[in-house]
Protein backbone atom coordinates (compact mmCIF):
# COMPACT_ATOMS: atom_id res chain seq x y z
CA UNK A 1 0.00 0.00 0.00
CA UNK A 2 2.91 2.35 0.72
CA UNK A 3 4.20 1.77 -2.81
CA UNK A 4 0.87 2.95 -4.22
CA UNK A 5 0.90 6.10 -2.10
CA UNK A 6 4.51 6.78 -3.05
CA UNK A 7 3.84 6.35 -6.74
CA UNK A 8 0.85 8.70 -6.59
CA UNK A 9 2.98 11.32 -4.84
CA UNK A 10 5.76 10.81 -7.39
CA UNK A 11 3.31 11.16 -10.27
CA UNK A 12 1.87 14.36 -8.87
CA UNK A 13 5.30 15.82 -8.24
CA UNK A 14 6.50 14.84 -11.70
CA UNK A 15 3.60 16.47 -13.53
CA UNK A 16 3.87 19.57 -11.34
CA UNK A 17 7.57 20.02 -12.05
CA UNK A 18 7.03 19.33 -15.75
CA UNK A 19 4.21 21.87 -16.00
CA UNK A 20 6.31 24.46 -14.17
CA UNK A 21 9.29 23.86 -16.44
CA UNK A 22 7.19 23.93 -19.59
CA UNK A 23 5.56 27.18 -18.53
CA UNK A 24 8.93 28.80 -17.88
CA UNK A 25 10.30 27.49 -21.19
CA UNK A 26 7.32 28.69 -23.18
CA UNK A 27 7.50 32.11 -21.56
CA UNK A 28 11.18 32.48 -22.36
CA UNK A 29 10.63 31.29 -25.94
CA UNK A 30 7.77 33.71 -26.44
CA UNK A 31 9.86 36.52 -24.96
CA UNK A 32 12.66 35.83 -27.42
CA UNK A 33 10.31 35.64 -30.37
CA UNK A 34 8.52 38.87 -29.51
CA UNK A 35 11.77 40.76 -29.02
CA UNK A 36 13.06 39.36 -32.32
CA UNK A 37 9.91 40.47 -34.13
CA UNK A 38 10.11 43.92 -32.55
CA UNK A 39 13.72 44.30 -33.74
CA UNK A 40 13.08 42.98 -37.26
CA UNK A 41 9.40 43.07 -38.26
CA UNK A 42 10.17 41.78 -41.77
CA UNK A 43 11.26 38.42 -40.32
CA UNK A 44 8.05 37.96 -38.34
CA UNK A 45 6.83 35.06 -40.51
CA UNK A 46 9.97 32.98 -40.09
CA UNK A 47 10.22 33.76 -36.39
CA UNK A 48 6.58 32.85 -35.82
CA UNK A 49 6.90 29.49 -37.57
CA UNK A 50 10.01 28.58 -35.59
CA UNK A 51 8.37 29.78 -32.38
CA UNK A 52 5.31 27.59 -32.92
CA UNK A 53 7.47 24.53 -33.64
CA UNK A 54 9.50 25.22 -30.51
CA UNK A 55 6.39 25.67 -28.36
CA UNK A 56 4.98 22.40 -29.67
CA UNK A 57 8.20 20.58 -28.74
CA UNK A 58 8.18 22.13 -25.27
CA UNK A 59 4.55 21.12 -24.77
CA UNK A 60 5.34 17.57 -25.85
CA UNK A 61 7.72 17.29 -22.89
CA UNK A 62 4.84 18.03 -20.54
CA UNK A 63 2.73 15.39 -22.29
CA UNK A 64 5.57 12.88 -21.84
CA UNK A 65 5.57 13.69 -18.11
CA UNK A 66 1.82 13.10 -18.02
CA UNK A 67 2.24 9.69 -19.67
CA UNK A 68 4.98 8.71 -17.22
CA UNK A 69 2.79 9.87 -14.32
CA UNK A 70 -0.13 7.79 -15.54
CA UNK A 71 2.16 4.78 -15.88
CA UNK A 72 3.41 5.34 -12.32
CA UNK A 73 -0.15 5.46 -11.02
CA UNK A 74 -1.83 2.69 -12.99
CA UNK A 75 0.71 0.20 -14.33
CA UNK A 76 2.46 -1.43 -11.42
CA UNK A 77 1.89 -4.80 -9.76
CA UNK A 78 0.80 -3.44 -6.37
CA UNK A 79 -2.27 -1.78 -7.83
CA UNK A 80 -4.42 -4.92 -7.91
CA UNK A 81 -3.61 -5.78 -4.30
CA UNK A 82 -4.27 -2.21 -3.18
CA UNK A 83 -7.61 -1.96 -4.95
CA UNK A 84 -8.64 -5.33 -3.54
CA UNK A 85 -7.71 -4.17 -0.04
CA UNK A 86 -9.59 -0.90 -0.43
CA UNK A 87 -12.63 -2.48 -2.07
CA UNK A 88 -12.74 -5.41 0.31
CA UNK A 89 -12.95 -8.03 -2.44
């Protein structure tokens, strides 16, 4: 049962850290793109395309953390024993 509680805590911590990091990374990327566009408005199209690709890659890291968190919570051998103990079956 302690393993289940630990994995739920680890999953929550992992997704929280990943969301924090992704938010910081997206903010810094957006800051760089906006300052680049303000310095050179003619290159706005190229900067915007690269910015969107970069933001998509940063967001995919947060999705990977979500997948790992779900695996930590639902795909380990102690889950069946813990649910049986909680449910009384």
